[in-house]
Amino acid sequence: LDARFRVIPTLSKKTLTVMAWHIIPVTLFSIVFVVVGVSFRTGWLY
């Protein structure tokens, strides 16, 4: 939500690094979410 209301409306070359710092954790969180889901499905963690 922070990026949606604060970064995207004023996106420019100056705020591009701020947007990158929002994209990186979201991407990493989604990858971890998929890995944990697959590991439960295949029996790695359970």
PDB file of N, CA and C in Angstrom:
ATOM      1  N   LEU A   1       0.816  -1.206   0.000  1.00  0.00           N
ATOM      2  CA  LEU A   1       0.000   0.000   0.000  1.00  0.00           C
ATOM      3  C   LEU A   1       0.852   1.260   0.000  1.00  0.00           C
ATOM      4  N   ASP A   2       1.973   1.199   0.702  1.00  0.00           N
ATOM      5  CA  ASP A   2       2.834   2.369   0.766  1.00  0.00           C
ATOM      6  C   ASP A   2       3.330   2.755  -0.622  1.00  0.00           C
ATOM      7  N   ALA A   3       3.758   1.760  -1.379  1.00  0.00           N
ATOM      8  CA  ALA A   3       4.251   2.047  -2.730  1.00  0.00           C
ATOM      9  C   ALA A   3       3.126   2.537  -3.629  1.00  0.00           C
ATOM     10  N   ARG A   4       1.948   2.008  -3.427  1.00  0.00           N
ATOM     11  CA  ARG A   4       0.823   2.383  -4.288  1.00  0.00           C
ATOM     12  C   ARG A   4       0.456   3.857  -4.125  1.00  0.00           C
ATOM     13  N   PHE A   5       0.462   4.335  -2.889  1.00  0.00           N
ATOM     14  CA  PHE A   5       0.018   5.707  -2.645  1.00  0.00           C
ATOM     15  C   PHE A   5       1.158   6.723  -2.594  1.00  0.00           C
ATOM     16  N   ARG A   6       2.364   6.282  -2.226  1.00  0.00           N
ATOM     17  CA  ARG A   6       3.444   7.237  -2.034  1.00  0.00           C
ATOM     18  C   ARG A   6       4.454   7.239  -3.175  1.00  0.00           C
ATOM     19  N   VAL A   7       4.785   6.072  -3.724  1.00  0.00           N
ATOM     20  CA  VAL A   7       5.869   5.991  -4.705  1.00  0.00           C
ATOM     21  C   VAL A   7       5.359   6.057  -6.135  1.00  0.00           C
ATOM     22  N   ILE A   8       4.366   5.267  -6.472  1.00  0.00           N
ATOM     23  CA  ILE A   8       3.915   5.172  -7.867  1.00  0.00           C
ATOM     24  C   ILE A   8       3.364   6.494  -8.413  1.00  0.00           C
ATOM     25  N   PRO A   9       2.566   7.259  -7.650  1.00  0.00           N
ATOM     26  CA  PRO A   9       2.074   8.523  -8.228  1.00  0.00           C
ATOM     27  C   PRO A   9       3.182   9.522  -8.562  1.00  0.00           C
ATOM     28  N   THR A  10       4.306   9.444  -7.864  1.00  0.00           N
ATOM     29  CA  THR A  10       5.398  10.387  -8.119  1.00  0.00           C
ATOM     30  C   THR A  10       6.620   9.679  -8.689  1.00  0.00           C
ATOM     31  N   LEU A  11       6.405   8.615  -9.441  1.00  0.00           N
ATOM     32  CA  LEU A  11       7.518   7.822  -9.953  1.00  0.00           C
ATOM     33  C   LEU A  11       8.336   8.617 -10.966  1.00  0.00           C
ATOM     34  N   SER A  12       9.616   8.666 -10.708  1.00  0.00           N
ATOM     35  CA  SER A  12      10.560   9.332 -11.602  1.00  0.00           C
ATOM     36  C   SER A  12      11.907   8.642 -11.444  1.00  0.00           C
ATOM     37  N   LYS A  13      12.911   9.166 -12.104  1.00  0.00           N
ATOM     38  CA  LYS A  13      14.249   8.579 -11.951  1.00  0.00           C
ATOM     39  C   LYS A  13      14.728   8.688 -10.510  1.00  0.00           C
ATOM     40  N   LYS A  14      14.305   9.731  -9.826  1.00  0.00           N
ATOM     41  CA  LYS A  14      14.727   9.959  -8.439  1.00  0.00           C
ATOM     42  C   LYS A  14      14.099   8.937  -7.490  1.00  0.00           C
ATOM     43  N   THR A  15      12.846   8.582  -7.709  1.00  0.00           N
ATOM     44  CA  THR A  15      12.154   7.654  -6.809  1.00  0.00           C
ATOM     45  C   THR A  15      12.191   6.214  -7.301  1.00  0.00           C
ATOM     46  N   LEU A  16      12.935   5.955  -8.368  1.00  0.00           N
ATOM     47  CA  LEU A  16      13.012   4.597  -8.901  1.00  0.00           C
ATOM     48  C   LEU A  16      13.693   3.642  -7.922  1.00  0.00           C
ATOM     49  N   THR A  17      14.687   4.116  -7.186  1.00  0.00           N
ATOM     50  CA  THR A  17      15.343   3.256  -6.191  1.00  0.00           C
ATOM     51  C   THR A  17      14.408   2.942  -5.033  1.00  0.00           C
ATOM     52  N   VAL A  18      13.551   3.878  -4.675  1.00  0.00           N
ATOM     53  CA  VAL A  18      12.562   3.615  -3.621  1.00  0.00           C
ATOM     54  C   VAL A  18      11.603   2.526  -4.076  1.00  0.00           C
ATOM     55  N   MET A  19      11.195   2.592  -5.331  1.00  0.00           N
ATOM     56  CA  MET A  19      10.308   1.566  -5.882  1.00  0.00           C
ATOM     57  C   MET A  19      11.010   0.219  -5.912  1.00  0.00           C
ATOM     58  N   ALA A  20      12.288   0.212  -6.235  1.00  0.00           N
ATOM     59  CA  ALA A  20      13.047  -1.044  -6.241  1.00  0.00           C
ATOM     60  C   ALA A  20      13.102  -1.649  -4.851  1.00  0.00           C
ATOM     61  N   TRP A  21      13.248  -0.813  -3.822  1.00  0.00           N
ATOM     62  CA  TRP A  21      13.278  -1.322  -2.445  1.00  0.00           C
ATOM     63  C   TRP A  21      11.913  -1.822  -1.995  1.00  0.00           C
ATOM     64  N   HIS A  22      10.846  -1.500  -2.696  1.00  0.00           N
ATOM     65  CA  HIS A  22       9.535  -2.096  -2.433  1.00  0.00           C
ATOM     66  C   HIS A  22       9.369  -3.394  -3.219  1.00  0.00           C
ATOM     67  N   ILE A  23       9.897  -3.441  -4.423  1.00  0.00           N
ATOM     68  CA  ILE A  23       9.736  -4.614  -5.285  1.00  0.00           C
ATOM     69  C   ILE A  23      10.552  -5.796  -4.777  1.00  0.00           C
ATOM     70  N   ILE A  24      11.768  -5.552  -4.329  1.00  0.00           N
ATOM     71  CA  ILE A  24      12.660  -6.638  -3.907  1.00  0.00           C
ATOM     72  C   ILE A  24      12.082  -7.463  -2.761  1.00  0.00           C
ATOM     73  N   PRO A  25      11.624  -6.869  -1.642  1.00  0.00           N
ATOM     74  CA  PRO A  25      11.074  -7.709  -0.565  1.00  0.00           C
ATOM     75  C   PRO A  25       9.797  -8.441  -0.964  1.00  0.00           C
ATOM     76  N   VAL A  26       8.966  -7.806  -1.778  1.00  0.00           N
ATOM     77  CA  VAL A  26       7.737  -8.466  -2.214  1.00  0.00           C
ATOM     78  C   VAL A  26       8.065  -9.678  -3.074  1.00  0.00           C
ATOM     79  N   THR A  27       9.037  -9.546  -3.953  1.00  0.00           N
ATOM     80  CA  THR A  27       9.456 -10.666  -4.797  1.00  0.00           C
ATOM     81  C   THR A  27      10.054 -11.785  -3.958  1.00  0.00           C
ATOM     82  N   LEU A  28      10.932 -11.444  -3.021  1.00  0.00           N
ATOM     83  CA  LEU A  28      11.537 -12.462  -2.158  1.00  0.00           C
ATOM     84  C   LEU A  28      10.485 -13.164  -1.300  1.00  0.00           C
ATOM     85  N   PHE A  29       9.524 -12.396  -0.780  1.00  0.00           N
ATOM     86  CA  PHE A  29       8.456 -12.988   0.023  1.00  0.00           C
ATOM     87  C   PHE A  29       7.627 -13.958  -0.808  1.00  0.00           C
ATOM     88  N   SER A  30       7.344 -13.611  -2.057  1.00  0.00           N
ATOM     89  CA  SER A  30       6.544 -14.506  -2.895  1.00  0.00           C
ATOM     90  C   SER A  30       7.313 -15.772  -3.247  1.00  0.00           C
ATOM     91  N   ILE A  31       8.620 -15.653  -3.469  1.00  0.00           N
ATOM     92  CA  ILE A  31       9.429 -16.846  -3.748  1.00  0.00           C
ATOM     93  C   ILE A  31       9.466 -17.763  -2.537  1.00  0.00           C
ATOM     94  N   VAL A  32       9.650 -17.196  -1.346  1.00  0.00           N
ATOM     95  CA  VAL A  32       9.646 -18.003  -0.119  1.00  0.00           C
ATOM     96  C   VAL A  32       8.287 -18.660   0.077  1.00  0.00           C
ATOM     97  N   PHE A  33       7.217 -17.937  -0.206  1.00  0.00           N
ATOM     98  CA  PHE A  33       5.869 -18.478  -0.079  1.00  0.00           C
ATOM     99  C   PHE A  33       5.678 -19.692  -0.986  1.00  0.00           C
ATOM    100  N   VAL A  34       6.156 -19.607  -2.225  1.00  0.00           N
ATOM    101  CA  VAL A  34       6.043 -20.723  -3.163  1.00  0.00           C
ATOM    102  C   VAL A  34       6.897 -21.894  -2.706  1.00  0.00           C
ATOM    103  N   VAL A  35       8.119 -21.638  -2.259  1.00  0.00           N
ATOM    104  CA  VAL A  35       9.006 -22.715  -1.808  1.00  0.00           C
ATOM    105  C   VAL A  35       8.417 -23.431  -0.600  1.00  0.00           C
ATOM    106  N   VAL A  36       7.873 -22.704   0.346  1.00  0.00           N
ATOM    107  CA  VAL A  36       7.257 -23.330   1.520  1.00  0.00           C
ATOM    108  C   VAL A  36       6.030 -24.132   1.107  1.00  0.00           C
ATOM    109  N   GLY A  37       5.218 -23.606   0.202  1.00  0.00           N
ATOM    110  CA  GLY A  37       4.052 -24.345  -0.271  1.00  0.00           C
ATOM    111  C   GLY A  37       4.424 -25.628  -0.981  1.00  0.00           C
ATOM    112  N   VAL A  38       5.431 -25.568  -1.835  1.00  0.00           N
ATOM    113  CA  VAL A  38       5.884 -26.767  -2.543  1.00  0.00           C
ATOM    114  C   VAL A  38       6.484 -27.762  -1.563  1.00  0.00           C
ATOM    115  N   SER A  39       7.216 -27.265  -0.572  1.00  0.00           N
ATOM    116  CA  SER A  39       7.842 -28.177   0.382  1.00  0.00           C
ATOM    117  C   SER A  39       6.798 -28.885   1.238  1.00  0.00           C
ATOM    118  N   PHE A  40       5.729 -28.215   1.605  1.00  0.00           N
ATOM    119  CA  PHE A  40       4.657 -28.901   2.329  1.00  0.00           C
ATOM    120  C   PHE A  40       3.959 -29.909   1.425  1.00  0.00           C
ATOM    121  N   ARG A  41       3.787 -29.541   0.176  1.00  0.00           N
ATOM    122  CA  ARG A  41       3.102 -30.424  -0.772  1.00  0.00           C
ATOM    123  C   ARG A  41       3.911 -31.691  -1.049  1.00  0.00           C
ATOM    124  N   THR A  42       5.227 -31.560  -1.137  1.00  0.00           N
ATOM    125  CA  THR A  42       6.071 -32.713  -1.447  1.00  0.00           C
ATOM    126  C   THR A  42       6.569 -33.434  -0.209  1.00  0.00           C
ATOM    127  N   GLY A  43       6.372 -32.844   0.963  1.00  0.00           N
ATOM    128  CA  GLY A  43       6.760 -33.514   2.198  1.00  0.00           C
ATOM    129  C   GLY A  43       8.130 -33.165   2.727  1.00  0.00           C
ATOM    130  N   TRP A  44       8.728 -32.081   2.235  1.00  0.00           N
ATOM    131  CA  TRP A  44      10.045 -31.699   2.726  1.00  0.00           C
ATOM    132  C   TRP A  44       9.987 -31.196   4.162  1.00  0.00           C
ATOM    133  N   LEU A  45       8.953 -30.463   4.515  1.00  0.00           N
ATOM    134  CA  LEU A  45       8.864 -29.884   5.860  1.00  0.00           C
ATOM    135  C   LEU A  45       7.919 -30.639   6.781  1.00  0.00           C
ATOM    136  N   TYR A  46       7.137 -31.521   6.247  1.00  0.00           N
ATOM    137  CA  TYR A  46       6.159 -32.219   7.097  1.00  0.00           C
ATOM    138  C   TYR A  46       6.224 -33.694   6.874  1.00  0.00           C
TER     139      TYR A  46
END
